N, C-alpha and C. Protein backbone atom coordinates (compact mmCIF):
# COMPACT_ATOMS: atom_id res chain seq x y z
N ARG A 1 42.49 15.64 -15.77
CA ARG A 1 42.24 15.45 -14.29
C ARG A 1 42.57 13.76 -14.03
N ARG A 2 43.22 13.24 -13.39
CA ARG A 2 42.83 12.22 -12.66
C ARG A 2 42.26 11.47 -11.69
N ALA A 3 42.13 10.25 -12.20
CA ALA A 3 40.84 9.68 -11.57
C ALA A 3 41.60 8.90 -10.46
N GLY A 4 40.97 9.34 -9.06
CA GLY A 4 41.50 8.50 -8.13
C GLY A 4 41.26 6.88 -8.06
N PRO A 5 41.93 6.62 -7.06
CA PRO A 5 41.17 4.85 -6.67
C PRO A 5 40.18 4.73 -6.63
N ALA A 6 38.84 3.76 -7.25
CA ALA A 6 37.81 3.44 -7.30
C ALA A 6 37.05 3.35 -5.63
N ALA A 7 35.90 3.98 -5.73
CA ALA A 7 35.55 3.83 -4.49
C ALA A 7 35.26 2.45 -4.13
N PRO A 8 35.61 2.01 -2.57
CA PRO A 8 34.97 0.91 -2.68
C PRO A 8 33.87 -0.44 -2.45
N GLN A 9 33.07 -1.23 -3.14
CA GLN A 9 31.76 -1.41 -2.87
C GLN A 9 31.55 -1.87 -1.72
N VAL A 10 30.30 -1.31 -1.17
CA VAL A 10 30.02 -2.10 0.19
C VAL A 10 28.62 -2.82 -0.41
N LYS A 11 28.44 -3.86 0.43
CA LYS A 11 27.65 -4.34 -0.06
C LYS A 11 26.34 -4.65 0.90
N ALA A 12 24.98 -4.15 0.78
CA ALA A 12 24.05 -4.24 2.00
C ALA A 12 23.87 -5.16 2.38
N THR A 13 22.74 -5.42 3.55
CA THR A 13 22.87 -6.53 4.22
C THR A 13 21.35 -6.50 3.88
N PRO A 14 20.29 -7.31 3.76
CA PRO A 14 18.98 -7.20 3.36
C PRO A 14 18.75 -7.40 4.80
N THR A 15 17.76 -6.16 5.40
CA THR A 15 17.04 -6.76 6.25
C THR A 15 15.97 -7.82 6.55
N PRO A 16 15.89 -7.90 7.58
CA PRO A 16 14.69 -8.98 7.92
C PRO A 16 13.48 -8.50 8.29
N VAL A 17 12.15 -9.03 7.21
CA VAL A 17 11.26 -7.79 7.09
C VAL A 17 10.04 -8.80 7.93
N ALA A 18 9.46 -8.47 9.47
CA ALA A 18 8.46 -9.05 9.75
C ALA A 18 7.48 -9.18 9.21
N ILE A 19 6.64 -10.25 9.21
CA ILE A 19 5.79 -10.73 7.78
C ILE A 19 4.38 -11.06 9.12
N VAL A 20 3.38 -10.53 8.40
CA VAL A 20 1.90 -11.00 9.75
C VAL A 20 1.37 -11.53 8.59
N GLU A 21 0.84 -12.84 9.11
CA GLU A 21 0.05 -13.50 7.96
C GLU A 21 -1.87 -13.71 8.80
N THR A 22 -2.79 -13.26 7.54
CA THR A 22 -4.08 -12.84 7.54
C THR A 22 -5.01 -13.42 6.64
N ASP A 23 -5.59 -14.70 6.83
CA ASP A 23 -6.07 -15.23 6.14
C ASP A 23 -5.34 -15.92 5.00
N GLY A 24 -4.06 -16.23 5.46
CA GLY A 24 -3.52 -17.07 4.43
C GLY A 24 -2.76 -15.77 3.77
N VAL A 25 -2.56 -14.91 3.83
CA VAL A 25 -1.80 -14.16 3.00
C VAL A 25 -1.02 -13.22 4.19
N GLN A 26 0.75 -13.40 2.80
CA GLN A 26 1.37 -12.75 4.03
C GLN A 26 1.93 -11.43 3.62
N THR A 27 2.16 -10.15 4.54
CA THR A 27 2.32 -9.33 4.05
C THR A 27 3.23 -8.31 5.42
N PRO A 28 3.89 -7.81 4.69
CA PRO A 28 5.03 -7.50 5.53
C PRO A 28 4.12 -6.42 6.83
N ALA A 29 4.81 -6.61 7.86
CA ALA A 29 3.81 -5.89 9.20
C ALA A 29 3.98 -4.32 8.68
N ILE A 30 5.41 -3.85 8.10
CA ILE A 30 5.14 -2.09 8.01
C ILE A 30 3.83 -1.68 6.88
N GLU A 31 3.50 -2.97 6.23
CA GLU A 31 2.35 -2.12 4.80
C GLU A 31 1.19 -2.08 5.94
N ARG A 32 0.82 -3.55 7.12
CA ARG A 32 0.41 -3.85 7.42
C ARG A 32 -0.16 -2.28 8.73
N GLU A 33 0.75 -2.15 8.96
CA GLU A 33 0.34 -1.04 10.05
C GLU A 33 0.15 0.37 9.71
N HIS A 34 0.89 0.50 8.68
CA HIS A 34 0.93 2.27 8.03
C HIS A 34 0.14 1.87 7.30
N VAL A 35 -0.49 0.95 6.13
CA VAL A 35 -1.20 1.66 5.07
C VAL A 35 -2.45 0.85 5.47
N TRP A 36 -2.42 -0.56 5.41
CA TRP A 36 -3.66 -0.78 5.82
C TRP A 36 -4.68 -0.90 6.89
N ARG A 37 -3.64 0.08 8.10
CA ARG A 37 -4.62 0.79 8.72
C ARG A 37 -5.34 2.34 8.12
N VAL A 38 -4.57 2.91 7.25
CA VAL A 38 -5.45 3.84 6.56
C VAL A 38 -7.04 3.65 5.94
N TYR A 39 -6.53 2.61 5.19
CA TYR A 39 -7.28 2.26 4.53
C TYR A 39 -8.31 1.69 5.00
N GLU A 40 -8.33 1.00 6.58
CA GLU A 40 -9.59 0.95 7.23
C GLU A 40 -10.12 1.68 7.47
N ALA A 41 -9.22 2.99 7.89
CA ALA A 41 -10.03 3.65 8.89
C ALA A 41 -10.90 4.95 7.55
N VAL A 42 -10.77 4.84 6.47
CA VAL A 42 -11.21 5.64 5.44
C VAL A 42 -12.59 5.22 4.88
N ALA A 43 -12.14 3.96 4.79
CA ALA A 43 -13.33 3.05 4.02
C ALA A 43 -14.43 3.06 4.13
N PRO A 44 -15.32 3.11 5.16
CA PRO A 44 -16.36 3.77 5.51
C PRO A 44 -17.06 4.74 4.71
N GLN A 45 -15.85 5.61 4.79
CA GLN A 45 -17.00 6.99 4.59
C GLN A 45 -16.57 7.55 3.01
N TRP A 46 -15.74 6.68 2.49
CA TRP A 46 -15.28 6.71 0.84
C TRP A 46 -16.23 5.88 0.12
N HIS A 47 -16.87 4.89 0.64
CA HIS A 47 -17.56 3.80 0.05
C HIS A 47 -19.30 4.48 -0.15
N GLY A 48 -18.83 5.44 0.98
CA GLY A 48 -20.29 6.11 1.50
C GLY A 48 -20.57 7.27 0.21
N THR A 49 -19.42 7.19 -0.34
CA THR A 49 -19.56 8.69 -1.70
C THR A 49 -19.24 8.19 -2.64
N ARG A 50 -19.18 6.98 -3.24
CA ARG A 50 -19.29 6.01 -4.35
C ARG A 50 -20.21 5.29 -4.65
N TYR A 51 -21.32 5.22 -4.73
CA TYR A 51 -22.61 5.08 -4.77
C TYR A 51 -23.23 4.54 -6.43
N LYS A 52 -21.94 5.23 -7.37
CA LYS A 52 -22.79 4.98 -8.65
C LYS A 52 -21.91 5.16 -9.57
N ALA A 53 -21.70 4.47 -10.76
CA ALA A 53 -20.98 4.47 -12.21
C ALA A 53 -20.92 6.30 -12.24
N TRP A 54 -19.62 6.39 -13.01
CA TRP A 54 -19.64 7.58 -13.36
C TRP A 54 -20.25 7.84 -14.55
N PRO A 55 -21.07 9.07 -14.98
CA PRO A 55 -21.99 8.71 -16.10
C PRO A 55 -21.31 8.93 -17.31
N ARG A 56 -19.69 9.54 -17.70
CA ARG A 56 -19.11 8.98 -18.54
C ARG A 56 -18.48 7.85 -19.13
N VAL A 57 -18.42 6.58 -17.55
CA VAL A 57 -17.96 5.12 -17.77
C VAL A 57 -19.20 4.73 -18.29
N ALA A 58 -20.31 4.66 -17.25
CA ALA A 58 -21.86 4.07 -18.20
C ALA A 58 -21.45 4.42 -19.51
N ALA A 59 -21.38 5.72 -20.05
CA ALA A 59 -22.13 5.92 -21.61
C ALA A 59 -21.36 4.92 -22.30
N PHE A 60 -19.68 4.95 -22.05
CA PHE A 60 -18.68 4.23 -22.54
C PHE A 60 -19.01 2.55 -23.19
N CYS A 61 -19.34 2.02 -21.43
CA CYS A 61 -19.89 0.71 -21.18
C CYS A 61 -20.89 0.43 -21.98
N GLN A 62 -21.76 1.25 -22.04
CA GLN A 62 -23.56 0.96 -22.76
C GLN A 62 -22.83 1.04 -24.16
N GLU A 63 -22.36 1.42 -24.75
CA GLU A 63 -21.60 2.09 -26.52
C GLU A 63 -20.78 0.46 -26.36
N HIS A 64 -19.61 0.35 -25.17
CA HIS A 64 -18.34 -0.19 -26.08
C HIS A 64 -19.12 -2.27 -25.39
N CYS A 65 -19.29 -2.27 -24.92
CA CYS A 65 -19.78 -3.30 -23.92
C CYS A 65 -20.95 -4.23 -24.63
N LEU A 66 -20.96 -5.02 -25.14
CA LEU A 66 -21.88 -5.60 -25.55
C LEU A 66 -22.46 -7.01 -24.74
N GLY A 67 -23.60 -7.42 -24.13
CA GLY A 67 -23.89 -7.99 -23.66
C GLY A 67 -23.17 -9.56 -23.66
N GLY A 68 -22.69 -10.11 -22.59
CA GLY A 68 -21.87 -11.19 -22.23
C GLY A 68 -20.55 -10.68 -22.32
N ALA A 69 -20.50 -9.55 -22.41
CA ALA A 69 -18.58 -8.83 -22.22
C ALA A 69 -17.81 -9.09 -21.36
N VAL A 70 -17.18 -9.60 -21.32
CA VAL A 70 -16.01 -9.49 -19.60
C VAL A 70 -15.11 -8.77 -19.90
N VAL A 71 -15.31 -7.39 -18.65
CA VAL A 71 -14.96 -6.37 -18.43
C VAL A 71 -14.21 -6.56 -17.34
N ALA A 72 -12.75 -5.91 -16.93
CA ALA A 72 -12.30 -5.68 -15.84
C ALA A 72 -12.01 -4.06 -15.39
N ASP A 73 -13.02 -4.24 -14.47
CA ASP A 73 -12.46 -2.93 -13.73
C ASP A 73 -11.51 -2.86 -12.87
N VAL A 74 -10.45 -2.66 -13.62
CA VAL A 74 -8.92 -2.80 -12.35
C VAL A 74 -8.42 -1.75 -11.88
N GLY A 75 -8.09 -1.45 -10.23
CA GLY A 75 -7.97 -0.31 -9.79
C GLY A 75 -8.39 -0.70 -8.29
N CYS A 76 -8.15 0.90 -7.90
CA CYS A 76 -9.27 0.78 -6.31
C CYS A 76 -10.09 1.48 -6.44
N GLY A 77 -11.37 0.61 -5.77
CA GLY A 77 -12.55 0.93 -6.11
C GLY A 77 -13.31 0.10 -4.93
N ASN A 78 -15.05 0.00 -5.40
CA ASN A 78 -15.63 -0.73 -4.61
C ASN A 78 -16.32 -1.20 -5.66
N GLY A 79 -15.98 -1.53 -6.52
CA GLY A 79 -17.01 -1.71 -7.70
C GLY A 79 -18.33 -1.25 -8.37
N LYS A 80 -17.90 0.36 -8.01
CA LYS A 80 -19.51 1.28 -8.63
C LYS A 80 -19.68 0.95 -9.97
N MET A 81 -18.55 0.71 -11.24
CA MET A 81 -18.59 0.80 -12.38
C MET A 81 -19.22 -0.10 -12.52
N ALA A 82 -19.29 -1.52 -12.12
CA ALA A 82 -20.25 -3.18 -12.44
C ALA A 82 -21.23 -3.02 -12.62
N PRO A 83 -22.32 -2.43 -12.40
CA PRO A 83 -23.64 -2.33 -12.55
C PRO A 83 -23.53 -1.79 -14.37
N ALA A 84 -22.87 -0.63 -14.68
CA ALA A 84 -22.87 0.18 -16.28
C ALA A 84 -22.21 -0.88 -17.15
N ALA A 85 -20.88 -1.86 -16.66
CA ALA A 85 -21.05 -3.04 -17.36
C ALA A 85 -22.06 -3.45 -17.66
């Protein structure tokens, strides 16, 4: 089978992104519109259902985190695990 001529390389031109600045933080406007707006809408109800550490997480922290330990609760949340550590 013979290979035909190589397809021409097309260089994409970057599209300018609108930026919104809030409290000194720059965020793409599309993120502000479609992501932040959703989080702001669901946050009050979500927070009200997350008021204490999960029992298994609390037990893990009590067993493995000695007094004065530095613990990073990395992820999305409202800090409900902090008292367990």
